[in-house]
Amino acid sequence: MNPAEPVKTDLALDITTDVCPLTFVKTKLMIEGMEPGQTARVRLNDGETLKNVPRSVEEHGHVILSLEPETEGSTVWLLVLQKN
């Protein structure tokens, strides 16, 4: 992500220190507290979390707006989602 152009979101969550399934549990709890149309940025690690969290977000009917490495070559990813 370019620091000069941060993604504007309503909420932010960092799950880089958590492991599955806690990663999606925390993401789901955040989404449940959101209003439809609100957006959130989630910092997550690659691997199992990167595979499972975005998939689960979509399976629950929400929209993935973007999913990109935090910086070039980073193992931390930024997921931007919108609650439906």
PDB file of N, CA and C in Angstrom:
ATOM      1  N   MET A   1       0.850  -1.171   0.000  1.00  0.00           N
ATOM      2  CA  MET A   1       0.000   0.000   0.000  1.00  0.00           C
ATOM      3  C   MET A   1       0.895   1.233   0.000  1.00  0.00           C
ATOM      4  N   ASN A   2       0.528   2.208  -0.756  1.00  0.00           N
ATOM      5  CA  ASN A   2       1.283   3.450  -0.823  1.00  0.00           C
ATOM      6  C   ASN A   2       0.891   4.327   0.360  1.00  0.00           C
ATOM      7  N   PRO A   3       1.815   4.661   1.263  1.00  0.00           N
ATOM      8  CA  PRO A   3       1.470   5.459   2.439  1.00  0.00           C
ATOM      9  C   PRO A   3       0.884   6.817   2.091  1.00  0.00           C
ATOM     10  N   ALA A   4       1.188   7.336   0.909  1.00  0.00           N
ATOM     11  CA  ALA A   4       0.652   8.638   0.502  1.00  0.00           C
ATOM     12  C   ALA A   4      -0.817   8.540   0.112  1.00  0.00           C
ATOM     13  N   GLU A   5      -1.270   7.330  -0.180  1.00  0.00           N
ATOM     14  CA  GLU A   5      -2.659   7.129  -0.599  1.00  0.00           C
ATOM     15  C   GLU A   5      -3.313   6.022   0.228  1.00  0.00           C
ATOM     16  N   PRO A   6      -3.538   6.238   1.518  1.00  0.00           N
ATOM     17  CA  PRO A   6      -4.137   5.185   2.345  1.00  0.00           C
ATOM     18  C   PRO A   6      -5.588   4.918   1.939  1.00  0.00           C
ATOM     19  N   VAL A   7      -5.969   3.662   2.056  1.00  0.00           N
ATOM     20  CA  VAL A   7      -7.343   3.275   1.784  1.00  0.00           C
ATOM     21  C   VAL A   7      -8.206   3.782   2.931  1.00  0.00           C
ATOM     22  N   LYS A   8      -9.248   4.530   2.612  1.00  0.00           N
ATOM     23  CA  LYS A   8     -10.136   5.048   3.651  1.00  0.00           C
ATOM     24  C   LYS A   8     -11.213   3.999   3.944  1.00  0.00           C
ATOM     25  N   THR A   9     -11.290   3.621   5.210  1.00  0.00           N
ATOM     26  CA  THR A   9     -12.278   2.638   5.639  1.00  0.00           C
ATOM     27  C   THR A   9     -12.915   3.123   6.937  1.00  0.00           C
ATOM     28  N   ASP A  10     -14.062   2.530   7.260  1.00  0.00           N
ATOM     29  CA  ASP A  10     -14.759   2.899   8.490  1.00  0.00           C
ATOM     30  C   ASP A  10     -14.117   2.259   9.729  1.00  0.00           C
ATOM     31  N   LEU A  11     -13.589   1.044   9.571  1.00  0.00           N
ATOM     32  CA  LEU A  11     -13.004   0.309  10.693  1.00  0.00           C
ATOM     33  C   LEU A  11     -11.707  -0.354  10.265  1.00  0.00           C
ATOM     34  N   ALA A  12     -10.907  -0.748  11.236  1.00  0.00           N
ATOM     35  CA  ALA A  12      -9.661  -1.461  10.952  1.00  0.00           C
ATOM     36  C   ALA A  12      -9.472  -2.556  11.994  1.00  0.00           C
ATOM     37  N   LEU A  13      -8.878  -3.652  11.548  1.00  0.00           N
ATOM     38  CA  LEU A  13      -8.617  -4.791  12.422  1.00  0.00           C
ATOM     39  C   LEU A  13      -7.274  -5.393  12.033  1.00  0.00           C
ATOM     40  N   ASP A  14      -6.452  -5.704  13.018  1.00  0.00           N
ATOM     41  CA  ASP A  14      -5.160  -6.345  12.779  1.00  0.00           C
ATOM     42  C   ASP A  14      -5.221  -7.741  13.387  1.00  0.00           C
ATOM     43  N   ILE A  15      -5.168  -8.764  12.528  1.00  0.00           N
ATOM     44  CA  ILE A  15      -5.207 -10.147  13.016  1.00  0.00           C
ATOM     45  C   ILE A  15      -3.894 -10.867  12.710  1.00  0.00           C
ATOM     46  N   THR A  16      -2.827 -10.094  12.546  1.00  0.00           N
ATOM     47  CA  THR A  16      -1.535 -10.693  12.197  1.00  0.00           C
ATOM     48  C   THR A  16      -0.916 -11.510  13.331  1.00  0.00           C
ATOM     49  N   THR A  17      -1.373 -11.306  14.549  1.00  0.00           N
ATOM     50  CA  THR A  17      -0.821 -12.089  15.674  1.00  0.00           C
ATOM     51  C   THR A  17      -1.722 -13.256  16.056  1.00  0.00           C
ATOM     52  N   ASP A  18      -2.812 -13.444  15.320  1.00  0.00           N
ATOM     53  CA  ASP A  18      -3.768 -14.508  15.622  1.00  0.00           C
ATOM     54  C   ASP A  18      -3.616 -15.667  14.643  1.00  0.00           C
ATOM     55  N   VAL A  19      -4.165 -16.812  15.021  1.00  0.00           N
ATOM     56  CA  VAL A  19      -4.156 -17.995  14.161  1.00  0.00           C
ATOM     57  C   VAL A  19      -5.587 -18.439  13.895  1.00  0.00           C
ATOM     58  N   CYS A  20      -5.764 -19.192  12.811  1.00  0.00           N
ATOM     59  CA  CYS A  20      -7.087 -19.733  12.477  1.00  0.00           C
ATOM     60  C   CYS A  20      -7.494 -20.711  13.578  1.00  0.00           C
ATOM     61  N   PRO A  21      -8.761 -20.777  13.946  1.00  0.00           N
ATOM     62  CA  PRO A  21      -9.904 -20.064  13.383  1.00  0.00           C
ATOM     63  C   PRO A  21     -10.175 -18.707  14.036  1.00  0.00           C
ATOM     64  N   LEU A  22      -9.341 -18.307  14.988  1.00  0.00           N
ATOM     65  CA  LEU A  22      -9.567 -17.035  15.682  1.00  0.00           C
ATOM     66  C   LEU A  22      -9.527 -15.851  14.722  1.00  0.00           C
ATOM     67  N   THR A  23      -8.776 -15.981  13.634  1.00  0.00           N
ATOM     68  CA  THR A  23      -8.676 -14.877  12.675  1.00  0.00           C
ATOM     69  C   THR A  23     -10.040 -14.534  12.098  1.00  0.00           C
ATOM     70  N   PHE A  24     -10.786 -15.553  11.673  1.00  0.00           N
ATOM     71  CA  PHE A  24     -12.103 -15.241  11.109  1.00  0.00           C
ATOM     72  C   PHE A  24     -13.107 -14.912  12.207  1.00  0.00           C
ATOM     73  N   VAL A  25     -12.986 -15.509  13.373  1.00  0.00           N
ATOM     74  CA  VAL A  25     -13.904 -15.188  14.471  1.00  0.00           C
ATOM     75  C   VAL A  25     -13.828 -13.691  14.775  1.00  0.00           C
ATOM     76  N   LYS A  26     -12.615 -13.142  14.880  1.00  0.00           N
ATOM     77  CA  LYS A  26     -12.469 -11.708  15.147  1.00  0.00           C
ATOM     78  C   LYS A  26     -13.006 -10.873  13.985  1.00  0.00           C
ATOM     79  N   THR A  27     -12.738 -11.316  12.758  1.00  0.00           N
ATOM     80  CA  THR A  27     -13.242 -10.602  11.583  1.00  0.00           C
ATOM     81  C   THR A  27     -14.763 -10.622  11.561  1.00  0.00           C
ATOM     82  N   LYS A  28     -15.351 -11.768  11.840  1.00  0.00           N
ATOM     83  CA  LYS A  28     -16.814 -11.905  11.836  1.00  0.00           C
ATOM     84  C   LYS A  28     -17.444 -11.025  12.915  1.00  0.00           C
ATOM     85  N   LEU A  29     -16.862 -10.981  14.102  1.00  0.00           N
ATOM     86  CA  LEU A  29     -17.401 -10.140  15.172  1.00  0.00           C
ATOM     87  C   LEU A  29     -17.363  -8.669  14.772  1.00  0.00           C
ATOM     88  N   MET A  30     -16.280  -8.251  14.105  1.00  0.00           N
ATOM     89  CA  MET A  30     -16.202  -6.874  13.646  1.00  0.00           C
ATOM     90  C   MET A  30     -17.313  -6.600  12.624  1.00  0.00           C
ATOM     91  N   ILE A  31     -17.478  -7.512  11.665  1.00  0.00           N
ATOM     92  CA  ILE A  31     -18.495  -7.340  10.625  1.00  0.00           C
ATOM     93  C   ILE A  31     -19.888  -7.269  11.240  1.00  0.00           C
ATOM     94  N   GLU A  32     -20.154  -8.096  12.237  1.00  0.00           N
ATOM     95  CA  GLU A  32     -21.474  -8.098  12.880  1.00  0.00           C
ATOM     96  C   GLU A  32     -21.792  -6.750  13.509  1.00  0.00           C
ATOM     97  N   GLY A  33     -20.781  -6.015  13.941  1.00  0.00           N
ATOM     98  CA  GLY A  33     -20.994  -4.704  14.546  1.00  0.00           C
ATOM     99  C   GLY A  33     -21.071  -3.567  13.537  1.00  0.00           C
ATOM    100  N   MET A  34     -20.902  -3.892  12.273  1.00  0.00           N
ATOM    101  CA  MET A  34     -20.913  -2.867  11.226  1.00  0.00           C
ATOM    102  C   MET A  34     -22.318  -2.676  10.664  1.00  0.00           C
ATOM    103  N   GLU A  35     -22.547  -1.514  10.075  1.00  0.00           N
ATOM    104  CA  GLU A  35     -23.784  -1.241   9.352  1.00  0.00           C
ATOM    105  C   GLU A  35     -23.584  -1.660   7.894  1.00  0.00           C
ATOM    106  N   PRO A  36     -24.663  -2.089   7.208  1.00  0.00           N
ATOM    107  CA  PRO A  36     -24.532  -2.403   5.782  1.00  0.00           C
ATOM    108  C   PRO A  36     -23.940  -1.222   5.016  1.00  0.00           C
ATOM    109  N   GLY A  37     -22.989  -1.531   4.138  1.00  0.00           N
ATOM    110  CA  GLY A  37     -22.336  -0.502   3.349  1.00  0.00           C
ATOM    111  C   GLY A  37     -21.037   0.004   3.958  1.00  0.00           C
ATOM    112  N   GLN A  38     -20.833  -0.233   5.256  1.00  0.00           N
ATOM    113  CA  GLN A  38     -19.581   0.196   5.875  1.00  0.00           C
ATOM    114  C   GLN A  38     -18.426  -0.661   5.376  1.00  0.00           C
ATOM    115  N   THR A  39     -17.220  -0.093   5.426  1.00  0.00           N
ATOM    116  CA  THR A  39     -16.036  -0.803   4.974  1.00  0.00           C
ATOM    117  C   THR A  39     -15.061  -1.001   6.125  1.00  0.00           C
ATOM    118  N   ALA A  40     -14.221  -2.011   5.963  1.00  0.00           N
ATOM    119  CA  ALA A  40     -13.212  -2.302   6.982  1.00  0.00           C
ATOM    120  C   ALA A  40     -11.925  -2.766   6.307  1.00  0.00           C
ATOM    121  N   ARG A  41     -10.818  -2.449   6.948  1.00  0.00           N
ATOM    122  CA  ARG A  41      -9.505  -2.903   6.500  1.00  0.00           C
ATOM    123  C   ARG A  41      -8.995  -3.909   7.523  1.00  0.00           C
ATOM    124  N   VAL A  42      -8.594  -5.075   7.036  1.00  0.00           N
ATOM    125  CA  VAL A  42      -8.089  -6.139   7.899  1.00  0.00           C
ATOM    126  C   VAL A  42      -6.655  -6.459   7.484  1.00  0.00           C
ATOM    127  N   ARG A  43      -5.722  -6.363   8.448  1.00  0.00           N
ATOM    128  CA  ARG A  43      -4.334  -6.783   8.215  1.00  0.00           C
ATOM    129  C   ARG A  43      -4.241  -8.259   8.577  1.00  0.00           C
ATOM    130  N   LEU A  44      -3.737  -9.066   7.634  1.00  0.00           N
ATOM    131  CA  LEU A  44      -3.627 -10.490   7.878  1.00  0.00           C
ATOM    132  C   LEU A  44      -2.357 -11.044   7.258  1.00  0.00           C
ATOM    133  N   ASN A  45      -1.926 -12.180   7.771  1.00  0.00           N
ATOM    134  CA  ASN A  45      -0.727 -12.838   7.267  1.00  0.00           C
ATOM    135  C   ASN A  45      -1.077 -13.721   6.088  1.00  0.00           C
ATOM    136  N   ASP A  46      -0.036 -14.011   5.274  1.00  0.00           N
ATOM    137  CA  ASP A  46      -0.266 -14.941   4.181  1.00  0.00           C
ATOM    138  C   ASP A  46      -0.390 -16.352   4.738  1.00  0.00           C
ATOM    139  N   GLY A  47      -0.577 -17.313   3.883  1.00  0.00           N
ATOM    140  CA  GLY A  47      -0.747 -18.695   4.317  1.00  0.00           C
ATOM    141  C   GLY A  47      -2.219 -19.014   4.548  1.00  0.00           C
ATOM    142  N   GLU A  48      -2.482 -19.798   5.577  1.00  0.00           N
ATOM    143  CA  GLU A  48      -3.840 -20.274   5.871  1.00  0.00           C
ATOM    144  C   GLU A  48      -4.814 -19.119   6.095  1.00  0.00           C
ATOM    145  N   THR A  49      -4.391 -18.094   6.810  1.00  0.00           N
ATOM    146  CA  THR A  49      -5.273 -16.952   7.081  1.00  0.00           C
ATOM    147  C   THR A  49      -5.649 -16.241   5.791  1.00  0.00           C
ATOM    148  N   LEU A  50      -4.683 -16.031   4.908  1.00  0.00           N
ATOM    149  CA  LEU A  50      -4.940 -15.358   3.634  1.00  0.00           C
ATOM    150  C   LEU A  50      -5.897 -16.162   2.763  1.00  0.00           C
ATOM    151  N   LYS A  51      -5.836 -17.457   2.874  1.00  0.00           N
ATOM    152  CA  LYS A  51      -6.737 -18.325   2.103  1.00  0.00           C
ATOM    153  C   LYS A  51      -8.143 -18.345   2.711  1.00  0.00           C
ATOM    154  N   ASN A  52      -8.226 -18.460   4.028  1.00  0.00           N
ATOM    155  CA  ASN A  52      -9.515 -18.702   4.680  1.00  0.00           C
ATOM    156  C   ASN A  52     -10.353 -17.458   4.971  1.00  0.00           C
ATOM    157  N   VAL A  53      -9.738 -16.374   5.424  1.00  0.00           N
ATOM    158  CA  VAL A  53     -10.521 -15.202   5.826  1.00  0.00           C
ATOM    159  C   VAL A  53     -11.269 -14.580   4.645  1.00  0.00           C
ATOM    160  N   PRO A  54     -10.602 -14.272   3.522  1.00  0.00           N
ATOM    161  CA  PRO A  54     -11.363 -13.699   2.396  1.00  0.00           C
ATOM    162  C   PRO A  54     -12.473 -14.629   1.897  1.00  0.00           C
ATOM    163  N   ARG A  55     -12.179 -15.931   1.830  1.00  0.00           N
ATOM    164  CA  ARG A  55     -13.190 -16.899   1.390  1.00  0.00           C
ATOM    165  C   ARG A  55     -14.398 -16.877   2.326  1.00  0.00           C
ATOM    166  N   SER A  56     -14.153 -16.875   3.623  1.00  0.00           N
ATOM    167  CA  SER A  56     -15.245 -16.865   4.594  1.00  0.00           C
ATOM    168  C   SER A  56     -16.043 -15.569   4.542  1.00  0.00           C
ATOM    169  N   VAL A  57     -15.359 -14.438   4.333  1.00  0.00           N
ATOM    170  CA  VAL A  57     -16.048 -13.147   4.211  1.00  0.00           C
ATOM    171  C   VAL A  57     -17.042 -13.217   3.051  1.00  0.00           C
ATOM    172  N   GLU A  58     -16.597 -13.735   1.901  1.00  0.00           N
ATOM    173  CA  GLU A  58     -17.479 -13.839   0.736  1.00  0.00           C
ATOM    174  C   GLU A  58     -18.593 -14.855   0.957  1.00  0.00           C
ATOM    175  N   GLU A  59     -18.284 -15.977   1.614  1.00  0.00           N
ATOM    176  CA  GLU A  59     -19.302 -16.988   1.901  1.00  0.00           C
ATOM    177  C   GLU A  59     -20.406 -16.432   2.793  1.00  0.00           C
ATOM    178  N   HIS A  60     -20.099 -15.444   3.616  1.00  0.00           N
ATOM    179  CA  HIS A  60     -21.093 -14.817   4.480  1.00  0.00           C
ATOM    180  C   HIS A  60     -21.807 -13.664   3.781  1.00  0.00           C
ATOM    181  N   GLY A  61     -21.542 -13.483   2.476  1.00  0.00           N
ATOM    182  CA  GLY A  61     -22.292 -12.524   1.676  1.00  0.00           C
ATOM    183  C   GLY A  61     -21.735 -11.117   1.618  1.00  0.00           C
ATOM    184  N   HIS A  62     -20.508 -10.928   2.059  1.00  0.00           N
ATOM    185  CA  HIS A  62     -19.904  -9.603   2.029  1.00  0.00           C
ATOM    186  C   HIS A  62     -18.983  -9.483   0.821  1.00  0.00           C
ATOM    187  N   VAL A  63     -18.542  -8.271   0.524  1.00  0.00           N
ATOM    188  CA  VAL A  63     -17.787  -8.006  -0.695  1.00  0.00           C
ATOM    189  C   VAL A  63     -16.325  -7.717  -0.364  1.00  0.00           C
ATOM    190  N   ILE A  64     -15.425  -8.346  -1.097  1.00  0.00           N
ATOM    191  CA  ILE A  64     -14.002  -8.036  -1.001  1.00  0.00           C
ATOM    192  C   ILE A  64     -13.744  -6.906  -1.993  1.00  0.00           C
ATOM    193  N   LEU A  65     -13.352  -5.743  -1.489  1.00  0.00           N
ATOM    194  CA  LEU A  65     -13.057  -4.600  -2.353  1.00  0.00           C
ATOM    195  C   LEU A  65     -11.625  -4.647  -2.866  1.00  0.00           C
ATOM    196  N   SER A  66     -10.706  -5.115  -2.042  1.00  0.00           N
ATOM    197  CA  SER A  66      -9.326  -5.287  -2.479  1.00  0.00           C
ATOM    198  C   SER A  66      -8.612  -6.246  -1.538  1.00  0.00           C
ATOM    199  N   LEU A  67      -7.561  -6.843  -2.068  1.00  0.00           N
ATOM    200  CA  LEU A  67      -6.712  -7.743  -1.297  1.00  0.00           C
ATOM    201  C   LEU A  67      -5.319  -7.625  -1.898  1.00  0.00           C
ATOM    202  N   GLU A  68      -4.411  -6.965  -1.155  1.00  0.00           N
ATOM    203  CA  GLU A  68      -3.075  -6.671  -1.676  1.00  0.00           C
ATOM    204  C   GLU A  68      -2.039  -6.806  -0.574  1.00  0.00           C
ATOM    205  N   PRO A  69      -0.794  -7.103  -0.965  1.00  0.00           N
ATOM    206  CA  PRO A  69       0.278  -7.096   0.032  1.00  0.00           C
ATOM    207  C   PRO A  69       0.425  -5.687   0.613  1.00  0.00           C
ATOM    208  N   GLU A  70       0.745  -5.608   1.893  1.00  0.00           N
ATOM    209  CA  GLU A  70       0.902  -4.306   2.541  1.00  0.00           C
ATOM    210  C   GLU A  70       2.017  -3.493   1.877  1.00  0.00           C
ATOM    211  N   THR A  71       3.099  -4.153   1.561  1.00  0.00           N
ATOM    212  CA  THR A  71       4.195  -3.547   0.800  1.00  0.00           C
ATOM    213  C   THR A  71       4.697  -4.616  -0.172  1.00  0.00           C
ATOM    214  N   GLU A  72       5.440  -4.212  -1.158  1.00  0.00           N
ATOM    215  CA  GLU A  72       5.956  -5.160  -2.134  1.00  0.00           C
ATOM    216  C   GLU A  72       6.788  -6.234  -1.437  1.00  0.00           C
ATOM    217  N   GLY A  73       6.441  -7.491  -1.685  1.00  0.00           N
ATOM    218  CA  GLY A  73       7.159  -8.602  -1.092  1.00  0.00           C
ATOM    219  C   GLY A  73       6.792  -8.923   0.343  1.00  0.00           C
ATOM    220  N   SER A  74       5.809  -8.228   0.892  1.00  0.00           N
ATOM    221  CA  SER A  74       5.412  -8.414   2.290  1.00  0.00           C
ATOM    222  C   SER A  74       4.635  -9.713   2.489  1.00  0.00           C
ATOM    223  N   THR A  75       4.735 -10.277   3.696  1.00  0.00           N
ATOM    224  CA  THR A  75       3.913 -11.433   4.054  1.00  0.00           C
ATOM    225  C   THR A  75       2.636 -10.990   4.767  1.00  0.00           C
ATOM    226  N   VAL A  76       2.496  -9.674   4.966  1.00  0.00           N
ATOM    227  CA  VAL A  76       1.275  -9.110   5.551  1.00  0.00           C
ATOM    228  C   VAL A  76       0.435  -8.543   4.420  1.00  0.00           C
ATOM    229  N   TRP A  77      -0.833  -8.879   4.433  1.00  0.00           N
ATOM    230  CA  TRP A  77      -1.763  -8.456   3.386  1.00  0.00           C
ATOM    231  C   TRP A  77      -2.827  -7.536   3.973  1.00  0.00           C
ATOM    232  N   LEU A  78      -3.387  -6.684   3.130  1.00  0.00           N
ATOM    233  CA  LEU A  78      -4.478  -5.804   3.505  1.00  0.00           C
ATOM    234  C   LEU A  78      -5.733  -6.207   2.738  1.00  0.00           C
ATOM    235  N   LEU A  79      -6.731  -6.575   3.484  1.00  0.00           N
ATOM    236  CA  LEU A  79      -8.022  -6.953   2.934  1.00  0.00           C
ATOM    237  C   LEU A  79      -8.987  -5.810   3.223  1.00  0.00           C
ATOM    238  N   VAL A  80      -9.625  -5.298   2.188  1.00  0.00           N
ATOM    239  CA  VAL A  80     -10.642  -4.264   2.369  1.00  0.00           C
ATOM    240  C   VAL A  80     -11.960  -4.904   1.984  1.00  0.00           C
ATOM    241  N   LEU A  81     -12.919  -4.856   2.911  1.00  0.00           N
ATOM    242  CA  LEU A  81     -14.211  -5.494   2.691  1.00  0.00           C
ATOM    243  C   LEU A  81     -15.336  -4.512   2.928  1.00  0.00           C
ATOM    244  N   GLN A  82     -16.490  -4.859   2.388  1.00  0.00           N
ATOM    245  CA  GLN A  82     -17.706  -4.056   2.606  1.00  0.00           C
ATOM    246  C   GLN A  82     -18.799  -4.995   3.090  1.00  0.00           C
ATOM    247  N   LYS A  83     -19.475  -4.569   4.155  1.00  0.00           N
ATOM    248  CA  LYS A  83     -20.578  -5.365   4.683  1.00  0.00           C
ATOM    249  C   LYS A  83     -21.807  -5.194   3.801  1.00  0.00           C
ATOM    250  N   ASN A  84     -22.442  -6.297   3.476  1.00  0.00           N
ATOM    251  CA  ASN A  84     -23.719  -6.257   2.745  1.00  0.00           C
ATOM    252  C   ASN A  84     -24.873  -6.405   3.697  1.00  0.00           C
TER     253      ASN A  84
END
